[in-house]
């Protein structure tokens, strides 16, 4: 089973690409540093609750949907 942070990173990247955002654009919209977003997408960091909420808002989805997408991917991989 893959680590949740790896799966979260993949989901975050897919959501970002689905709306044609660069990491820089997501950074601007969320107020989070671009390098932090890069670390999240590579599974090297786990988001705080505050970061998760900011990312979801910037992506135009609810935090619940973002986390649910991670859960679905994890269940697919198990």
C-alpha atoms as a PDB file:
ATOM      1  CA  UNK A   1       0.000   0.000   0.000  1.00  0.00           C
ATOM      2  CA  UNK A   2       1.327   3.411  -0.946  1.00  0.00           C
ATOM      3  CA  UNK A   3       1.884   6.058   1.670  1.00  0.00           C
ATOM      4  CA  UNK A   4      -0.956   8.586   1.955  1.00  0.00           C
ATOM      5  CA  UNK A   5       1.379  11.510   1.268  1.00  0.00           C
ATOM      6  CA  UNK A   6       2.430   9.979  -2.064  1.00  0.00           C
ATOM      7  CA  UNK A   7      -1.184   9.454  -3.095  1.00  0.00           C
ATOM      8  CA  UNK A   8      -2.134  12.942  -1.897  1.00  0.00           C
ATOM      9  CA  UNK A   9       0.631  14.403  -4.040  1.00  0.00           C
ATOM     10  CA  UNK A  10      -0.627  12.609  -7.138  1.00  0.00           C
ATOM     11  CA  UNK A  11      -4.204  13.698  -6.482  1.00  0.00           C
ATOM     12  CA  UNK A  12      -3.145  17.288  -5.857  1.00  0.00           C
ATOM     13  CA  UNK A  13      -1.160  17.356  -9.109  1.00  0.00           C
ATOM     14  CA  UNK A  14      -4.099  15.915 -11.057  1.00  0.00           C
ATOM     15  CA  UNK A  15      -6.577  18.410  -9.599  1.00  0.00           C
ATOM     16  CA  UNK A  16      -4.142  21.234 -10.407  1.00  0.00           C
ATOM     17  CA  UNK A  17      -3.624  20.061 -13.979  1.00  0.00           C
ATOM     18  CA  UNK A  18      -7.360  19.546 -14.477  1.00  0.00           C
ATOM     19  CA  UNK A  19      -7.855  23.299 -14.106  1.00  0.00           C
ATOM     20  CA  UNK A  20      -4.694  24.171 -16.041  1.00  0.00           C
ATOM     21  CA  UNK A  21      -2.917  25.725 -13.071  1.00  0.00           C
ATOM     22  CA  UNK A  22       0.841  25.791 -12.818  1.00  0.00           C
ATOM     23  CA  UNK A  23       2.375  25.334  -9.395  1.00  0.00           C
ATOM     24  CA  UNK A  24       3.036  29.075  -9.454  1.00  0.00           C
ATOM     25  CA  UNK A  25      -0.624  29.871 -10.159  1.00  0.00           C
ATOM     26  CA  UNK A  26      -1.769  27.516  -7.390  1.00  0.00           C
ATOM     27  CA  UNK A  27       0.738  29.203  -5.112  1.00  0.00           C
ATOM     28  CA  UNK A  28      -0.702  32.632  -5.904  1.00  0.00           C
ATOM     29  CA  UNK A  29      -4.299  31.485  -5.473  1.00  0.00           C
ATOM     30  CA  UNK A  30      -3.701  29.568  -2.242  1.00  0.00           C
ATOM     31  CA  UNK A  31      -1.162  31.853  -0.592  1.00  0.00           C
ATOM     32  CA  UNK A  32       1.194  28.892  -0.141  1.00  0.00           C
ATOM     33  CA  UNK A  33       4.790  28.828  -1.312  1.00  0.00           C
ATOM     34  CA  UNK A  34       5.407  27.177  -4.684  1.00  0.00           C
ATOM     35  CA  UNK A  35       8.208  25.064  -3.251  1.00  0.00           C
ATOM     36  CA  UNK A  36       5.838  23.767  -0.555  1.00  0.00           C
ATOM     37  CA  UNK A  37       3.333  22.780  -3.247  1.00  0.00           C
ATOM     38  CA  UNK A  38       6.132  20.999  -5.101  1.00  0.00           C
ATOM     39  CA  UNK A  39       7.074  19.089  -1.948  1.00  0.00           C
ATOM     40  CA  UNK A  40       3.435  18.114  -1.416  1.00  0.00           C
ATOM     41  CA  UNK A  41       3.084  16.886  -4.991  1.00  0.00           C
ATOM     42  CA  UNK A  42       6.214  14.776  -4.655  1.00  0.00           C
ATOM     43  CA  UNK A  43       4.967  13.249  -1.409  1.00  0.00           C
ATOM     44  CA  UNK A  44       7.787  14.738   0.629  1.00  0.00           C
ATOM     45  CA  UNK A  45       5.489  16.739   2.916  1.00  0.00           C
ATOM     46  CA  UNK A  46       2.034  16.266   4.377  1.00  0.00           C
ATOM     47  CA  UNK A  47      -0.368  19.209   4.353  1.00  0.00           C
ATOM     48  CA  UNK A  48      -1.578  20.835   7.519  1.00  0.00           C
ATOM     49  CA  UNK A  49      -5.316  21.287   7.892  1.00  0.00           C
ATOM     50  CA  UNK A  50      -4.906  24.978   7.094  1.00  0.00           C
ATOM     51  CA  UNK A  51      -2.910  24.186   3.950  1.00  0.00           C
ATOM     52  CA  UNK A  52      -5.446  21.583   2.884  1.00  0.00           C
ATOM     53  CA  UNK A  53      -8.269  24.103   3.192  1.00  0.00           C
ATOM     54  CA  UNK A  54      -6.314  26.743   1.248  1.00  0.00           C
ATOM     55  CA  UNK A  55      -5.438  24.288  -1.519  1.00  0.00           C
ATOM     56  CA  UNK A  56      -9.014  23.071  -1.838  1.00  0.00           C
ATOM     57  CA  UNK A  57     -10.354  26.624  -2.035  1.00  0.00           C
ATOM     58  CA  UNK A  58      -7.780  27.569  -4.683  1.00  0.00           C
ATOM     59  CA  UNK A  59      -8.665  24.454  -6.694  1.00  0.00           C
ATOM     60  CA  UNK A  60     -12.382  25.207  -6.452  1.00  0.00           C
ATOM     61  CA  UNK A  61     -13.242  22.008  -4.583  1.00  0.00           C
ATOM     62  CA  UNK A  62     -14.138  21.214  -1.010  1.00  0.00           C
ATOM     63  CA  UNK A  63     -11.508  19.802   1.303  1.00  0.00           C
ATOM     64  CA  UNK A  64     -13.824  16.812   1.745  1.00  0.00           C
ATOM     65  CA  UNK A  65     -13.711  16.091  -2.000  1.00  0.00           C
ATOM     66  CA  UNK A  66      -9.937  16.433  -2.080  1.00  0.00           C
ATOM     67  CA  UNK A  67      -9.482  13.996   0.804  1.00  0.00           C
ATOM     68  CA  UNK A  68     -12.137  11.653  -0.619  1.00  0.00           C
ATOM     69  CA  UNK A  69     -10.218  11.501  -3.911  1.00  0.00           C
ATOM     70  CA  UNK A  70      -7.122  10.449  -1.971  1.00  0.00           C
ATOM     71  CA  UNK A  71      -9.107   7.773  -0.150  1.00  0.00           C
ATOM     72  CA  UNK A  72     -10.523   6.423  -3.428  1.00  0.00           C
ATOM     73  CA  UNK A  73      -7.042   6.218  -4.972  1.00  0.00           C
ATOM     74  CA  UNK A  74      -5.677   4.477  -1.899  1.00  0.00           C
ATOM     75  CA  UNK A  75      -8.487   1.916  -2.012  1.00  0.00           C
ATOM     76  CA  UNK A  76      -7.827   1.321  -5.719  1.00  0.00           C
ATOM     77  CA  UNK A  77      -4.174   0.603  -4.961  1.00  0.00           C
ATOM     78  CA  UNK A  78      -4.793  -1.801  -2.079  1.00  0.00           C
END
